[in-house]
Every structure is written in C-alpha cells, then in structure tokens.
Amino acid sequence: MDNLTKNQSSVANAKDVDTYIATRIDDQIRWYNLRSSRLKSRYRLIKFFTIIFSAMIPVTIAISSVGDNSWDFLKYGAAILGALITVLEGISGVLKDKETYLGYRSASEALVREKMKFQSGSGYSEDSADKRYIRFVENCETIMAGESNKWLSTFQQDNSGGDEQK
C-alpha cells in the first residue's frame, strides 16, 4: 500500500480530528456564543427601553392635566415617548434579534453536544475510527448548515412581504 492510499484510508488520525475540532467546531461554538450574547443584550436593551417609555406615557399625561396649564407641554413628551416605542419595536422587528440569538444559542449547544458525544464515544457505536469521524463531521456540518438556512429563511420572509417560502 503506497503512502497516498494509506493516508486516505486513515482519515480519522488524531491530528485531523484535533485540527477539525479546534479550527472548525470550537471556532464556531465561540462565534455562536459571542453573537448570541451580543444579540441577546441588544434585544433586552430595546425591550427595556420600550417598557420604560411605555410606563412613562400615562405618568406624563396625568401630570400634564394637573392644575393649571404649566405642565401642558408634557403631552408632547407623551407623544414623543409613543413615537420612540414605535421606532424601537420597528427596529426590533427588522433586526429579529430574539429569533437569531435563540438560533445561535441552539446551534452552539448542538455543536457542544455533538463534540461531547464524539469525544466520549457515546452515540458513535461503529467500530471504525474513520466512520466515527466522518459521521461526526457530517453531523456538525449539518447543524451549521441548518442554522445558516434558518437565518436566511428568517430574513427572506421579510423581503417577500412576510409570505412563507415554499
């Protein structure tokens, strides 16, 4: 058996596995975690301000109608707060941070699970190291491709006027 054939039949040598895990899986897990955290923070910040501004509207209206007309200007503040809420909700709807961060978190957890299953040998009952490695790579790539497809589908729906893609 020549060296080329020998190398091709030994796909799952330790160096290839470690390289794939370090350069593909661990990098993707870190990326998904970082992006998920950032999107979750942005989503929560937008929702936080929406709640605060919503709570301030009845207070400003109540104060603007007390006594003489010296507080009358606050009715404009209530209108501005309402407009800000509309803008924030519009931004939140366009960015789809919640859906995206949940998808990224899910993909990250799925990759971690797959990595742990592979490294512990659970769920990979084939005798051949080559088959275990190939199945591991296929499962991980399927997870990542699935997340990319979900992301694309989410934003394509916006461009099609909200209709579902067939």
C-alpha atoms as a PDB file:
ATOM      1  CA  MET A   1       0.000   0.000   0.000  1.00  0.00           C
ATOM      2  CA  ASP A   2       1.535   3.318  -1.025  1.00  0.00           C
ATOM      3  CA  ASN A   3       1.540   6.385   1.239  1.00  0.00           C
ATOM      4  CA  LEU A   4      -1.347   8.111  -0.555  1.00  0.00           C
ATOM      5  CA  THR A   5      -3.654   5.139  -0.152  1.00  0.00           C
ATOM      6  CA  LYS A   6      -2.528   4.690   3.445  1.00  0.00           C
ATOM      7  CA  ASN A   7      -3.285   8.372   4.233  1.00  0.00           C
ATOM      8  CA  GLN A   8      -6.677   8.283   2.531  1.00  0.00           C
ATOM      9  CA  SER A   9      -7.751   5.219   4.490  1.00  0.00           C
ATOM     10  CA  SER A  10      -6.738   6.820   7.771  1.00  0.00           C
ATOM     11  CA  VAL A  11      -8.983   9.885   7.743  1.00  0.00           C
ATOM     12  CA  ALA A  12      -9.547   9.904  11.479  1.00  0.00           C
ATOM     13  CA  ASN A  13      -5.986  10.223  12.705  1.00  0.00           C
ATOM     14  CA  ALA A  14      -5.683  12.243  15.891  1.00  0.00           C
ATOM     15  CA  LYS A  15      -4.149  15.287  14.201  1.00  0.00           C
ATOM     16  CA  ASP A  16      -7.002  15.607  11.675  1.00  0.00           C
ATOM     17  CA  VAL A  17      -9.630  15.233  14.396  1.00  0.00           C
ATOM     18  CA  ASP A  18      -7.946  17.750  16.707  1.00  0.00           C
ATOM     19  CA  THR A  19      -7.449  20.198  13.844  1.00  0.00           C
ATOM     20  CA  TYR A  20     -11.084  19.943  12.746  1.00  0.00           C
ATOM     21  CA  ILE A  21     -12.343  20.375  16.302  1.00  0.00           C
ATOM     22  CA  ALA A  22     -10.030  23.326  17.018  1.00  0.00           C
ATOM     23  CA  THR A  23     -10.350  25.186  13.712  1.00  0.00           C
ATOM     24  CA  ARG A  24     -13.949  24.444  12.833  1.00  0.00           C
ATOM     25  CA  ILE A  25     -16.041  23.284  15.773  1.00  0.00           C
ATOM     26  CA  ASP A  26     -14.506  25.264  18.642  1.00  0.00           C
ATOM     27  CA  ASP A  27     -14.332  28.396  16.465  1.00  0.00           C
ATOM     28  CA  GLN A  28     -17.994  28.037  15.506  1.00  0.00           C
ATOM     29  CA  ILE A  29     -19.038  27.422  19.106  1.00  0.00           C
ATOM     30  CA  ARG A  30     -17.186  30.595  20.179  1.00  0.00           C
ATOM     31  CA  TRP A  31     -18.688  32.600  17.304  1.00  0.00           C
ATOM     32  CA  TYR A  32     -22.238  31.420  18.010  1.00  0.00           C
ATOM     33  CA  ASN A  33     -21.812  32.139  21.745  1.00  0.00           C
ATOM     34  CA  LEU A  34     -20.406  35.625  21.164  1.00  0.00           C
ATOM     35  CA  ARG A  35     -23.027  36.614  18.592  1.00  0.00           C
ATOM     36  CA  SER A  36     -25.818  35.117  20.683  1.00  0.00           C
ATOM     37  CA  SER A  37     -24.717  37.093  23.735  1.00  0.00           C
ATOM     38  CA  ARG A  38     -24.474  40.352  21.796  1.00  0.00           C
ATOM     39  CA  LEU A  39     -27.840  39.912  20.109  1.00  0.00           C
ATOM     40  CA  LYS A  40     -29.491  38.922  23.390  1.00  0.00           C
ATOM     41  CA  SER A  41     -28.086  42.045  25.067  1.00  0.00           C
ATOM     42  CA  ARG A  42     -29.288  44.293  22.251  1.00  0.00           C
ATOM     43  CA  TYR A  43     -32.725  42.657  22.242  1.00  0.00           C
ATOM     44  CA  ARG A  44     -33.062  43.082  26.012  1.00  0.00           C
ATOM     45  CA  LEU A  45     -31.881  46.698  25.876  1.00  0.00           C
ATOM     46  CA  ILE A  46     -34.507  47.558  23.247  1.00  0.00           C
ATOM     47  CA  LYS A  47     -37.205  45.800  25.289  1.00  0.00           C
ATOM     48  CA  PHE A  48     -36.024  47.507  28.490  1.00  0.00           C
ATOM     49  CA  PHE A  49     -36.390  50.966  26.941  1.00  0.00           C
ATOM     50  CA  THR A  50     -39.734  50.029  25.400  1.00  0.00           C
ATOM     51  CA  ILE A  51     -41.080  49.085  28.842  1.00  0.00           C
ATOM     52  CA  ILE A  52     -39.700  52.237  30.500  1.00  0.00           C
ATOM     53  CA  PHE A  53     -41.075  54.525  27.794  1.00  0.00           C
ATOM     54  CA  SER A  54     -44.448  52.746  27.879  1.00  0.00           C
ATOM     55  CA  ALA A  55     -44.681  53.207  31.633  1.00  0.00           C
ATOM     56  CA  MET A  56     -43.816  56.897  31.320  1.00  0.00           C
ATOM     57  CA  ILE A  57     -46.675  57.738  28.925  1.00  0.00           C
ATOM     58  CA  PRO A  58     -49.567  57.569  31.441  1.00  0.00           C
ATOM     59  CA  VAL A  59     -47.480  59.412  34.046  1.00  0.00           C
ATOM     60  CA  THR A  60     -46.678  62.292  31.672  1.00  0.00           C
ATOM     61  CA  ILE A  61     -50.329  62.515  30.573  1.00  0.00           C
ATOM     62  CA  ALA A  62     -51.528  62.544  34.188  1.00  0.00           C
ATOM     63  CA  ILE A  63     -49.023  65.234  35.192  1.00  0.00           C
ATOM     64  CA  SER A  64     -49.824  67.355  32.113  1.00  0.00           C
ATOM     65  CA  SER A  65     -53.508  67.541  33.096  1.00  0.00           C
ATOM     66  CA  VAL A  66     -52.924  68.589  36.736  1.00  0.00           C
ATOM     67  CA  GLY A  67     -53.913  72.089  37.835  1.00  0.00           C
ATOM     68  CA  ASP A  68     -53.117  74.995  35.606  1.00  0.00           C
ATOM     69  CA  ASN A  69     -51.592  74.728  32.147  1.00  0.00           C
ATOM     70  CA  SER A  70     -47.969  74.964  33.341  1.00  0.00           C
ATOM     71  CA  TRP A  71     -47.478  71.200  32.766  1.00  0.00           C
ATOM     72  CA  ASP A  72     -49.337  71.173  29.450  1.00  0.00           C
ATOM     73  CA  PHE A  73     -46.091  70.758  27.493  1.00  0.00           C
ATOM     74  CA  LEU A  74     -45.778  67.175  28.859  1.00  0.00           C
ATOM     75  CA  LYS A  75     -48.451  65.968  26.441  1.00  0.00           C
ATOM     76  CA  TYR A  76     -45.817  66.449  23.737  1.00  0.00           C
ATOM     77  CA  GLY A  77     -43.457  64.317  25.806  1.00  0.00           C
ATOM     78  CA  ALA A  78     -46.063  61.539  25.838  1.00  0.00           C
ATOM     79  CA  ALA A  79     -46.329  61.767  22.057  1.00  0.00           C
ATOM     80  CA  ILE A  80     -42.552  61.583  21.710  1.00  0.00           C
ATOM     81  CA  LEU A  81     -42.423  58.548  24.008  1.00  0.00           C
ATOM     82  CA  GLY A  82     -45.083  56.845  21.886  1.00  0.00           C
ATOM     83  CA  ALA A  83     -43.076  57.559  18.765  1.00  0.00           C
ATOM     84  CA  LEU A  84     -39.914  56.184  20.386  1.00  0.00           C
ATOM     85  CA  ILE A  85     -41.745  52.976  21.313  1.00  0.00           C
ATOM     86  CA  THR A  86     -42.883  52.605  17.713  1.00  0.00           C
ATOM     87  CA  VAL A  87     -39.339  53.123  16.441  1.00  0.00           C
ATOM     88  CA  LEU A  88     -37.856  50.648  18.935  1.00  0.00           C
ATOM     89  CA  GLU A  89     -40.449  47.989  18.142  1.00  0.00           C
ATOM     90  CA  GLY A  90     -39.874  48.551  14.422  1.00  0.00           C
ATOM     91  CA  ILE A  91     -36.129  48.148  14.844  1.00  0.00           C
ATOM     92  CA  SER A  92     -36.657  45.020  16.933  1.00  0.00           C
ATOM     93  CA  GLY A  93     -38.926  43.563  14.259  1.00  0.00           C
ATOM     94  CA  VAL A  94     -36.498  44.266  11.441  1.00  0.00           C
ATOM     95  CA  LEU A  95     -33.388  43.015  13.241  1.00  0.00           C
ATOM     96  CA  LYS A  96     -35.072  39.853  14.579  1.00  0.00           C
ATOM     97  CA  ASP A  97     -32.526  39.680  17.378  1.00  0.00           C
ATOM     98  CA  LYS A  98     -34.589  37.317  19.508  1.00  0.00           C
ATOM     99  CA  GLU A  99     -35.052  34.691  16.794  1.00  0.00           C
ATOM    100  CA  THR A 100     -31.432  34.990  15.733  1.00  0.00           C
ATOM    101  CA  TYR A 101     -29.884  34.787  19.203  1.00  0.00           C
ATOM    102  CA  LEU A 102     -32.062  31.789  20.079  1.00  0.00           C
ATOM    103  CA  GLY A 103     -30.984  30.061  16.857  1.00  0.00           C
ATOM    104  CA  TYR A 104     -27.320  30.784  17.504  1.00  0.00           C
ATOM    105  CA  ARG A 105     -27.585  29.553  21.082  1.00  0.00           C
ATOM    106  CA  SER A 106     -29.302  26.395  19.880  1.00  0.00           C
ATOM    107  CA  ALA A 107     -26.629  25.745  17.243  1.00  0.00           C
ATOM    108  CA  SER A 108     -23.854  26.309  19.776  1.00  0.00           C
ATOM    109  CA  GLU A 109     -25.404  23.855  22.226  1.00  0.00           C
ATOM    110  CA  ALA A 110     -25.956  21.288  19.469  1.00  0.00           C
ATOM    111  CA  LEU A 111     -22.294  21.531  18.432  1.00  0.00           C
ATOM    112  CA  VAL A 112     -21.138  21.176  22.036  1.00  0.00           C
ATOM    113  CA  ARG A 113     -23.376  18.114  22.448  1.00  0.00           C
ATOM    114  CA  GLU A 114     -22.085  16.578  19.222  1.00  0.00           C
ATOM    115  CA  LYS A 115     -18.477  17.246  20.223  1.00  0.00           C
ATOM    116  CA  MET A 116     -19.008  15.662  23.645  1.00  0.00           C
ATOM    117  CA  LYS A 117     -20.732  12.636  22.107  1.00  0.00           C
ATOM    118  CA  PHE A 118     -17.852  12.183  19.675  1.00  0.00           C
ATOM    119  CA  GLN A 119     -15.114  12.645  22.262  1.00  0.00           C
ATOM    120  CA  SER A 120     -16.781  10.284  24.746  1.00  0.00           C
ATOM    121  CA  GLY A 121     -17.710   7.750  22.080  1.00  0.00           C
ATOM    122  CA  SER A 122     -21.380   7.754  23.039  1.00  0.00           C
ATOM    123  CA  GLY A 123     -23.755   7.743  20.122  1.00  0.00           C
ATOM    124  CA  TYR A 124     -20.963   6.626  17.800  1.00  0.00           C
ATOM    125  CA  SER A 125     -21.120   2.858  18.002  1.00  0.00           C
ATOM    126  CA  GLU A 126     -19.322   1.982  14.744  1.00  0.00           C
ATOM    127  CA  ASP A 127     -16.065   0.145  15.226  1.00  0.00           C
ATOM    128  CA  SER A 128     -14.137   2.142  12.661  1.00  0.00           C
ATOM    129  CA  ALA A 129     -12.490   5.394  13.735  1.00  0.00           C
ATOM    130  CA  ASP A 130     -12.889   6.627  10.151  1.00  0.00           C
ATOM    131  CA  LYS A 131     -16.653   6.108  10.255  1.00  0.00           C
ATOM    132  CA  ARG A 132     -16.990   7.824  13.638  1.00  0.00           C
ATOM    133  CA  TYR A 133     -15.025  10.826  12.405  1.00  0.00           C
ATOM    134  CA  ILE A 134     -16.922  11.083   9.125  1.00  0.00           C
ATOM    135  CA  ARG A 135     -20.256  10.862  10.940  1.00  0.00           C
ATOM    136  CA  PHE A 136     -19.107  13.489  13.444  1.00  0.00           C
ATOM    137  CA  VAL A 137     -18.093  15.885  10.661  1.00  0.00           C
ATOM    138  CA  GLU A 138     -21.348  15.273   8.770  1.00  0.00           C
ATOM    139  CA  ASN A 139     -23.442  15.884  11.905  1.00  0.00           C
ATOM    140  CA  CYS A 140     -21.575  19.096  12.765  1.00  0.00           C
ATOM    141  CA  GLU A 141     -21.752  20.442   9.223  1.00  0.00           C
ATOM    142  CA  THR A 142     -25.478  19.636   9.135  1.00  0.00           C
ATOM    143  CA  ILE A 143     -26.009  21.617  12.345  1.00  0.00           C
ATOM    144  CA  MET A 144     -24.111  24.621  10.952  1.00  0.00           C
ATOM    145  CA  ALA A 145     -25.814  24.444   7.556  1.00  0.00           C
ATOM    146  CA  GLY A 146     -29.192  24.178   9.267  1.00  0.00           C
ATOM    147  CA  GLU A 147     -28.544  27.326  11.272  1.00  0.00           C
ATOM    148  CA  SER A 148     -27.427  29.188   8.141  1.00  0.00           C
ATOM    149  CA  ASN A 149     -30.576  28.077   6.330  1.00  0.00           C
ATOM    150  CA  LYS A 150     -32.808  29.170   9.239  1.00  0.00           C
ATOM    151  CA  TRP A 151     -31.100  32.561   9.334  1.00  0.00           C
ATOM    152  CA  LEU A 152     -31.502  33.012   5.590  1.00  0.00           C
ATOM    153  CA  SER A 153     -35.139  31.902   5.695  1.00  0.00           C
ATOM    154  CA  THR A 154     -35.918  34.345   8.511  1.00  0.00           C
ATOM    155  CA  PHE A 155     -34.644  37.303   6.533  1.00  0.00           C
ATOM    156  CA  GLN A 156     -36.018  36.150   3.174  1.00  0.00           C
ATOM    157  CA  GLN A 157     -39.513  36.173   4.660  1.00  0.00           C
ATOM    158  CA  ASP A 158     -39.104  39.898   5.300  1.00  0.00           C
ATOM    159  CA  ASN A 159     -38.173  40.557   1.700  1.00  0.00           C
ATOM    160  CA  SER A 160     -41.126  38.572   0.383  1.00  0.00           C
ATOM    161  CA  GLY A 161     -43.641  40.576   2.369  1.00  0.00           C
ATOM    162  CA  GLY A 162     -43.877  38.006   5.145  1.00  0.00           C
ATOM    163  CA  ASP A 163     -45.044  35.138   2.925  1.00  0.00           C
ATOM    164  CA  GLU A 164     -43.617  31.741   3.719  1.00  0.00           C
ATOM    165  CA  GLN A 165     -41.049  30.371   1.323  1.00  0.00           C
ATOM    166  CA  LYS A 166     -42.027  27.173  -0.464  1.00  0.00           C
END
